Amino acid sequence: MGGFSPIHLLILAVVAILLLGGGRFSNLMGDVAKGVKNFKKGMAEEDEDIRKPAARLEAKASADPAFDREGKRVREDR
């Protein structure tokens, strides 16, 4: 009751091909291969982003007020 031997996997593959048909199975495997390829590409792009130093943003010391103490508008909002 261990696991699947190579013979079991071969029999399952033959049954899957017979049930799904050759073209359908081929298209399915092609889609799976594309998914794996895109996944690997995405993981590689993520690693490249981590290695690049982040651009520094210059921050203001404090925000400019929109209103003064009397409630009059100091600046125009964009």
PDB file of N, CA and C in Angstrom:
ATOM      1  N   MET A   1       0.827  -1.191   0.000  1.00  0.00           N
ATOM      2  CA  MET A   1       0.000   0.000   0.000  1.00  0.00           C
ATOM      3  C   MET A   1       0.865   1.246   0.000  1.00  0.00           C
ATOM      4  N   GLY A   2       2.032   1.141  -0.588  1.00  0.00           N
ATOM      5  CA  GLY A   2       2.959   2.259  -0.590  1.00  0.00           C
ATOM      6  C   GLY A   2       2.543   3.386  -1.496  1.00  0.00           C
ATOM      7  N   GLY A   3       2.872   3.285  -2.738  1.00  0.00           N
ATOM      8  CA  GLY A   3       2.584   4.369  -3.666  1.00  0.00           C
ATOM      9  C   GLY A   3       2.426   3.819  -5.060  1.00  0.00           C
ATOM     10  N   PHE A   4       2.603   4.690  -6.006  1.00  0.00           N
ATOM     11  CA  PHE A   4       2.486   4.283  -7.401  1.00  0.00           C
ATOM     12  C   PHE A   4       3.851   3.915  -7.948  1.00  0.00           C
ATOM     13  N   SER A   5       3.902   2.790  -8.610  1.00  0.00           N
ATOM     14  CA  SER A   5       5.129   2.403  -9.286  1.00  0.00           C
ATOM     15  C   SER A   5       5.080   2.974 -10.701  1.00  0.00           C
ATOM     16  N   PRO A   6       6.186   2.950 -11.422  1.00  0.00           N
ATOM     17  CA  PRO A   6       6.175   3.470 -12.794  1.00  0.00           C
ATOM     18  C   PRO A   6       5.155   2.764 -13.697  1.00  0.00           C
ATOM     19  N   ILE A   7       4.911   1.478 -13.457  1.00  0.00           N
ATOM     20  CA  ILE A   7       3.918   0.739 -14.251  1.00  0.00           C
ATOM     21  C   ILE A   7       2.519   1.314 -14.005  1.00  0.00           C
ATOM     22  N   HIS A   8       2.195   1.602 -12.744  1.00  0.00           N
ATOM     23  CA  HIS A   8       0.898   2.192 -12.423  1.00  0.00           C
ATOM     24  C   HIS A   8       0.726   3.536 -13.123  1.00  0.00           C
ATOM     25  N   LEU A   9       1.763   4.360 -13.087  1.00  0.00           N
ATOM     26  CA  LEU A   9       1.689   5.669 -13.728  1.00  0.00           C
ATOM     27  C   LEU A   9       1.527   5.546 -15.239  1.00  0.00           C
ATOM     28  N   LEU A  10       2.185   4.579 -15.838  1.00  0.00           N
ATOM     29  CA  LEU A  10       2.070   4.348 -17.280  1.00  0.00           C
ATOM     30  C   LEU A  10       0.646   3.919 -17.642  1.00  0.00           C
ATOM     31  N   ILE A  11       0.065   3.033 -16.849  1.00  0.00           N
ATOM     32  CA  ILE A  11      -1.303   2.581 -17.094  1.00  0.00           C
ATOM     33  C   ILE A  11      -2.283   3.757 -16.940  1.00  0.00           C
ATOM     34  N   LEU A  12      -2.095   4.585 -15.918  1.00  0.00           N
ATOM     35  CA  LEU A  12      -2.951   5.765 -15.741  1.00  0.00           C
ATOM     36  C   LEU A  12      -2.832   6.721 -16.918  1.00  0.00           C
ATOM     37  N   ALA A  13      -1.629   6.904 -17.444  1.00  0.00           N
ATOM     38  CA  ALA A  13      -1.429   7.784 -18.590  1.00  0.00           C
ATOM     39  C   ALA A  13      -2.141   7.242 -19.824  1.00  0.00           C
ATOM     40  N   VAL A  14      -2.054   5.945 -20.056  1.00  0.00           N
ATOM     41  CA  VAL A  14      -2.723   5.332 -21.211  1.00  0.00           C
ATOM     42  C   VAL A  14      -4.235   5.474 -21.074  1.00  0.00           C
ATOM     43  N   VAL A  15      -4.775   5.246 -19.895  1.00  0.00           N
ATOM     44  CA  VAL A  15      -6.220   5.377 -19.671  1.00  0.00           C
ATOM     45  C   VAL A  15      -6.654   6.827 -19.883  1.00  0.00           C
ATOM     46  N   ALA A  16      -5.864   7.779 -19.395  1.00  0.00           N
ATOM     47  CA  ALA A  16      -6.199   9.197 -19.580  1.00  0.00           C
ATOM     48  C   ALA A  16      -6.204   9.565 -21.056  1.00  0.00           C
ATOM     49  N   ILE A  17      -5.243   9.063 -21.818  1.00  0.00           N
ATOM     50  CA  ILE A  17      -5.196   9.344 -23.255  1.00  0.00           C
ATOM     51  C   ILE A  17      -6.398   8.734 -23.957  1.00  0.00           C
ATOM     52  N   LEU A  18      -6.781   7.530 -23.562  1.00  0.00           N
ATOM     53  CA  LEU A  18      -7.938   6.880 -24.180  1.00  0.00           C
ATOM     54  C   LEU A  18      -9.235   7.612 -23.859  1.00  0.00           C
ATOM     55  N   LEU A  19      -9.377   8.071 -22.623  1.00  0.00           N
ATOM     56  CA  LEU A  19     -10.605   8.767 -22.228  1.00  0.00           C
ATOM     57  C   LEU A  19     -10.692  10.162 -22.831  1.00  0.00           C
ATOM     58  N   LEU A  20      -9.614  10.897 -22.794  1.00  0.00           N
ATOM     59  CA  LEU A  20      -9.631  12.289 -23.256  1.00  0.00           C
ATOM     60  C   LEU A  20      -9.388  12.417 -24.749  1.00  0.00           C
ATOM     61  N   GLY A  21      -8.766  11.453 -25.353  1.00  0.00           N
ATOM     62  CA  GLY A  21      -8.406  11.563 -26.759  1.00  0.00           C
ATOM     63  C   GLY A  21      -7.027  12.179 -26.880  1.00  0.00           C
ATOM     64  N   GLY A  22      -6.329  11.837 -27.935  1.00  0.00           N
ATOM     65  CA  GLY A  22      -4.944  12.281 -28.102  1.00  0.00           C
ATOM     66  C   GLY A  22      -4.799  13.787 -28.210  1.00  0.00           C
ATOM     67  N   GLY A  23      -5.632  14.431 -29.046  1.00  0.00           N
ATOM     68  CA  GLY A  23      -5.516  15.872 -29.251  1.00  0.00           C
ATOM     69  C   GLY A  23      -5.876  16.664 -28.014  1.00  0.00           C
ATOM     70  N   ARG A  24      -6.924  16.233 -27.342  1.00  0.00           N
ATOM     71  CA  ARG A  24      -7.350  16.927 -26.132  1.00  0.00           C
ATOM     72  C   ARG A  24      -6.279  16.835 -25.039  1.00  0.00           C
ATOM     73  N   PHE A  25      -5.738  15.658 -24.887  1.00  0.00           N
ATOM     74  CA  PHE A  25      -4.702  15.446 -23.874  1.00  0.00           C
ATOM     75  C   PHE A  25      -3.460  16.259 -24.208  1.00  0.00           C
ATOM     76  N   SER A  26      -3.114  16.304 -25.508  1.00  0.00           N
ATOM     77  CA  SER A  26      -1.961  17.070 -25.941  1.00  0.00           C
ATOM     78  C   SER A  26      -2.158  18.556 -25.657  1.00  0.00           C
ATOM     79  N   ASN A  27      -3.345  19.076 -25.941  1.00  0.00           N
ATOM     80  CA  ASN A  27      -3.643  20.490 -25.660  1.00  0.00           C
ATOM     81  C   ASN A  27      -3.595  20.769 -24.163  1.00  0.00           C
ATOM     82  N   LEU A  28      -4.106  19.845 -23.382  1.00  0.00           N
ATOM     83  CA  LEU A  28      -4.094  20.007 -21.933  1.00  0.00           C
ATOM     84  C   LEU A  28      -2.660  20.070 -21.404  1.00  0.00           C
ATOM     85  N   MET A  29      -1.811  19.166 -21.880  1.00  0.00           N
ATOM     86  CA  MET A  29      -0.416  19.152 -21.441  1.00  0.00           C
ATOM     87  C   MET A  29       0.316  20.416 -21.916  1.00  0.00           C
ATOM     88  N   GLY A  30      -0.033  20.912 -23.121  1.00  0.00           N
ATOM     89  CA  GLY A  30       0.561  22.150 -23.617  1.00  0.00           C
ATOM     90  C   GLY A  30       0.194  23.328 -22.731  1.00  0.00           C
ATOM     91  N   ASP A  31      -1.056  23.384 -22.287  1.00  0.00           N
ATOM     92  CA  ASP A  31      -1.493  24.453 -21.395  1.00  0.00           C
ATOM     93  C   ASP A  31      -0.794  24.362 -20.041  1.00  0.00           C
ATOM     94  N   VAL A  32      -0.615  23.152 -19.548  1.00  0.00           N
ATOM     95  CA  VAL A  32       0.096  22.974 -18.277  1.00  0.00           C
ATOM     96  C   VAL A  32       1.546  23.438 -18.420  1.00  0.00           C
ATOM     97  N   ALA A  33       2.175  23.097 -19.541  1.00  0.00           N
ATOM     98  CA  ALA A  33       3.567  23.508 -19.768  1.00  0.00           C
ATOM     99  C   ALA A  33       3.678  25.031 -19.849  1.00  0.00           C
ATOM    100  N   LYS A  34       2.713  25.679 -20.511  1.00  0.00           N
ATOM    101  CA  LYS A  34       2.722  27.147 -20.586  1.00  0.00           C
ATOM    102  C   LYS A  34       2.561  27.761 -19.204  1.00  0.00           C
ATOM    103  N   GLY A  35       1.699  27.167 -18.390  1.00  0.00           N
ATOM    104  CA  GLY A  35       1.501  27.662 -17.033  1.00  0.00           C
ATOM    105  C   GLY A  35       2.767  27.564 -16.199  1.00  0.00           C
ATOM    106  N   VAL A  36       3.460  26.442 -16.311  1.00  0.00           N
ATOM    107  CA  VAL A  36       4.706  26.254 -15.565  1.00  0.00           C
ATOM    108  C   VAL A  36       5.757  27.258 -16.050  1.00  0.00           C
ATOM    109  N   LYS A  37       5.822  27.459 -17.362  1.00  0.00           N
ATOM    110  CA  LYS A  37       6.789  28.401 -17.935  1.00  0.00           C
ATOM    111  C   LYS A  37       6.509  29.822 -17.449  1.00  0.00           C
ATOM    112  N   ASN A  38       5.245  30.237 -17.460  1.00  0.00           N
ATOM    113  CA  ASN A  38       4.890  31.570 -16.980  1.00  0.00           C
ATOM    114  C   ASN A  38       5.156  31.721 -15.491  1.00  0.00           C
ATOM    115  N   PHE A  39       4.931  30.653 -14.727  1.00  0.00           N
ATOM    116  CA  PHE A  39       5.212  30.687 -13.299  1.00  0.00           C
ATOM    117  C   PHE A  39       6.696  30.901 -13.046  1.00  0.00           C
ATOM    118  N   LYS A  40       7.532  30.151 -13.763  1.00  0.00           N
ATOM    119  CA  LYS A  40       8.983  30.302 -13.594  1.00  0.00           C
ATOM    120  C   LYS A  40       9.429  31.692 -14.002  1.00  0.00           C
ATOM    121  N   LYS A  41       8.856  32.216 -15.092  1.00  0.00           N
ATOM    122  CA  LYS A  41       9.203  33.561 -15.554  1.00  0.00           C
ATOM    123  C   LYS A  41       8.811  34.596 -14.496  1.00  0.00           C
ATOM    124  N   GLY A  42       7.640  34.430 -13.917  1.00  0.00           N
ATOM    125  CA  GLY A  42       7.195  35.349 -12.867  1.00  0.00           C
ATOM    126  C   GLY A  42       8.080  35.298 -11.643  1.00  0.00           C
ATOM    127  N   MET A  43       8.511  34.115 -11.278  1.00  0.00           N
ATOM    128  CA  MET A  43       9.400  33.987 -10.120  1.00  0.00           C
ATOM    129  C   MET A  43      10.748  34.634 -10.409  1.00  0.00           C
ATOM    130  N   ALA A  44      11.254  34.509 -11.632  1.00  0.00           N
ATOM    131  CA  ALA A  44      12.537  35.110 -11.996  1.00  0.00           C
ATOM    132  C   ALA A  44      12.422  36.626 -11.990  1.00  0.00           C
ATOM    133  N   GLU A  45      11.301  37.179 -12.485  1.00  0.00           N
ATOM    134  CA  GLU A  45      11.108  38.627 -12.486  1.00  0.00           C
ATOM    135  C   GLU A  45      11.012  39.151 -11.070  1.00  0.00           C
ATOM    136  N   GLU A  46      10.394  38.407 -10.184  1.00  0.00           N
ATOM    137  CA  GLU A  46      10.278  38.833  -8.796  1.00  0.00           C
ATOM    138  C   GLU A  46      11.656  38.899  -8.151  1.00  0.00           C
ATOM    139  N   ASP A  47      12.517  37.932  -8.446  1.00  0.00           N
ATOM    140  CA  ASP A  47      13.867  37.939  -7.905  1.00  0.00           C
ATOM    141  C   ASP A  47      14.653  39.136  -8.417  1.00  0.00           C
ATOM    142  N   GLU A  48      14.490  39.501  -9.685  1.00  0.00           N
ATOM    143  CA  GLU A  48      15.195  40.653 -10.240  1.00  0.00           C
ATOM    144  C   GLU A  48      14.756  41.933  -9.556  1.00  0.00           C
ATOM    145  N   ASP A  49      13.457  42.053  -9.249  1.00  0.00           N
ATOM    146  CA  ASP A  49      12.957  43.247  -8.579  1.00  0.00           C
ATOM    147  C   ASP A  49      13.547  43.391  -7.186  1.00  0.00           C
ATOM    148  N   ILE A  50      13.753  42.275  -6.511  1.00  0.00           N
ATOM    149  CA  ILE A  50      14.301  42.324  -5.154  1.00  0.00           C
ATOM    150  C   ILE A  50      15.760  42.769  -5.187  1.00  0.00           C
ATOM    151  N   ARG A  51      16.504  42.354  -6.198  1.00  0.00           N
ATOM    152  CA  ARG A  51      17.925  42.683  -6.281  1.00  0.00           C
ATOM    153  C   ARG A  51      18.172  44.143  -6.622  1.00  0.00           C
ATOM    154  N   LYS A  52      17.246  44.779  -7.355  1.00  0.00           N
ATOM    155  CA  LYS A  52      17.430  46.172  -7.742  1.00  0.00           C
ATOM    156  C   LYS A  52      17.221  47.061  -6.525  1.00  0.00           C
ATOM    157  N   PRO A  53      18.085  48.055  -6.341  1.00  0.00           N
ATOM    158  CA  PRO A  53      17.859  48.963  -5.217  1.00  0.00           C
ATOM    159  C   PRO A  53      16.637  49.834  -5.470  1.00  0.00           C
ATOM    160  N   ALA A  54      15.907  50.076  -4.439  1.00  0.00           N
ATOM    161  CA  ALA A  54      14.695  50.872  -4.574  1.00  0.00           C
ATOM    162  C   ALA A  54      15.057  52.345  -4.780  1.00  0.00           C
ATOM    163  N   ALA A  55      14.292  53.009  -5.607  1.00  0.00           N
ATOM    164  CA  ALA A  55      14.515  54.439  -5.837  1.00  0.00           C
ATOM    165  C   ALA A  55      14.101  55.204  -4.586  1.00  0.00           C
ATOM    166  N   ARG A  56      14.906  56.124  -4.209  1.00  0.00           N
ATOM    167  CA  ARG A  56      14.600  56.889  -3.007  1.00  0.00           C
ATOM    168  C   ARG A  56      13.678  58.043  -3.348  1.00  0.00           C
ATOM    169  N   LEU A  57      12.716  58.247  -2.507  1.00  0.00           N
ATOM    170  CA  LEU A  57      11.801  59.362  -2.656  1.00  0.00           C
ATOM    171  C   LEU A  57      12.173  60.425  -1.641  1.00  0.00           C
ATOM    172  N   GLU A  58      12.197  61.643  -2.101  1.00  0.00           N
ATOM    173  CA  GLU A  58      12.483  62.751  -1.191  1.00  0.00           C
ATOM    174  C   GLU A  58      11.170  63.196  -0.553  1.00  0.00           C
ATOM    175  N   ALA A  59      11.126  63.182   0.747  1.00  0.00           N
ATOM    176  CA  ALA A  59       9.916  63.564   1.465  1.00  0.00           C
ATOM    177  C   ALA A  59      10.085  64.958   2.051  1.00  0.00           C
ATOM    178  N   LYS A  60       8.974  65.660   2.137  1.00  0.00           N
ATOM    179  CA  LYS A  60       9.002  66.975   2.773  1.00  0.00           C
ATOM    180  C   LYS A  60       9.107  66.781   4.281  1.00  0.00           C
ATOM    181  N   ALA A  61       9.652  67.777   4.941  1.00  0.00           N
ATOM    182  CA  ALA A  61       9.763  67.704   6.393  1.00  0.00           C
ATOM    183  C   ALA A  61       8.373  67.684   7.028  1.00  0.00           C
ATOM    184  N   SER A  62       7.454  68.501   6.490  1.00  0.00           N
ATOM    185  CA  SER A  62       6.080  68.495   6.977  1.00  0.00           C
ATOM    186  C   SER A  62       5.161  68.875   5.834  1.00  0.00           C
ATOM    187  N   ALA A  63       3.919  68.525   5.969  1.00  0.00           N
ATOM    188  CA  ALA A  63       2.952  68.827   4.921  1.00  0.00           C
ATOM    189  C   ALA A  63       2.520  70.288   5.024  1.00  0.00           C
ATOM    190  N   ASP A  64       2.249  70.900   3.875  1.00  0.00           N
ATOM    191  CA  ASP A  64       1.744  72.268   3.861  1.00  0.00           C
ATOM    192  C   ASP A  64       0.281  72.249   4.286  1.00  0.00           C
ATOM    193  N   PRO A  65      -0.133  73.158   5.149  1.00  0.00           N
ATOM    194  CA  PRO A  65      -1.538  73.163   5.582  1.00  0.00           C
ATOM    195  C   PRO A  65      -2.454  73.656   4.462  1.00  0.00           C
ATOM    196  N   ALA A  66      -3.675  73.153   4.440  1.00  0.00           N
ATOM    197  CA  ALA A  66      -4.658  73.585   3.457  1.00  0.00           C
ATOM    198  C   ALA A  66      -5.433  74.802   3.961  1.00  0.00           C
ATOM    199  N   PHE A  67      -5.570  74.937   5.291  1.00  0.00           N
ATOM    200  CA  PHE A  67      -6.308  76.044   5.880  1.00  0.00           C
ATOM    201  C   PHE A  67      -5.464  76.688   6.972  1.00  0.00           C
ATOM    202  N   ASP A  68      -5.672  77.983   7.202  1.00  0.00           N
ATOM    203  CA  ASP A  68      -4.982  78.634   8.314  1.00  0.00           C
ATOM    204  C   ASP A  68      -5.840  78.510   9.565  1.00  0.00           C
ATOM    205  N   ARG A  69      -5.438  79.157  10.656  1.00  0.00           N
ATOM    206  CA  ARG A  69      -6.156  79.020  11.934  1.00  0.00           C
ATOM    207  C   ARG A  69      -7.565  79.602  11.906  1.00  0.00           C
ATOM    208  N   GLU A  70      -7.786  80.566  11.028  1.00  0.00           N
ATOM    209  CA  GLU A  70      -9.115  81.169  10.937  1.00  0.00           C
ATOM    210  C   GLU A  70     -10.043  80.369  10.017  1.00  0.00           C
ATOM    211  N   GLY A  71      -9.540  79.361   9.363  1.00  0.00           N
ATOM    212  CA  GLY A  71     -10.356  78.535   8.486  1.00  0.00           C
ATOM    213  C   GLY A  71     -10.341  78.998   7.044  1.00  0.00           C
ATOM    214  N   LYS A  72      -9.457  79.935   6.708  1.00  0.00           N
ATOM    215  CA  LYS A  72      -9.352  80.406   5.332  1.00  0.00           C
ATOM    216  C   LYS A  72      -8.412  79.483   4.570  1.00  0.00           C
ATOM    217  N   ARG A  73      -8.762  79.231   3.323  1.00  0.00           N
ATOM    218  CA  ARG A  73      -7.970  78.341   2.468  1.00  0.00           C
ATOM    219  C   ARG A  73      -6.613  78.984   2.186  1.00  0.00           C
ATOM    220  N   VAL A  74      -5.541  78.227   2.427  1.00  0.00           N
ATOM    221  CA  VAL A  74      -4.178  78.713   2.205  1.00  0.00           C
ATOM    222  C   VAL A  74      -3.698  78.330   0.812  1.00  0.00           C
ATOM    223  N   ARG A  75      -3.995  77.134   0.380  1.00  0.00           N
ATOM    224  CA  ARG A  75      -3.536  76.653  -0.927  1.00  0.00           C
ATOM    225  C   ARG A  75      -4.684  76.017  -1.689  1.00  0.00           C
ATOM    226  N   GLU A  76      -4.516  75.930  -2.980  1.00  0.00           N
ATOM    227  CA  GLU A  76      -5.526  75.314  -3.841  1.00  0.00           C
ATOM    228  C   GLU A  76      -5.198  73.828  -3.999  1.00  0.00           C
ATOM    229  N   ASP A  77      -6.231  72.994  -3.903  1.00  0.00           N
ATOM    230  CA  ASP A  77      -6.046  71.555  -4.142  1.00  0.00           C
ATOM    231  C   ASP A  77      -6.022  71.301  -5.627  1.00  0.00           C
ATOM    232  N   ARG A  78      -5.291  70.321  -6.003  1.00  0.00           N
ATOM    233  CA  ARG A  78      -5.172  70.015  -7.438  1.00  0.00           C
ATOM    234  C   ARG A  78      -6.302  69.185  -7.910  1.00  0.00           C
TER     235      ARG A  78
END
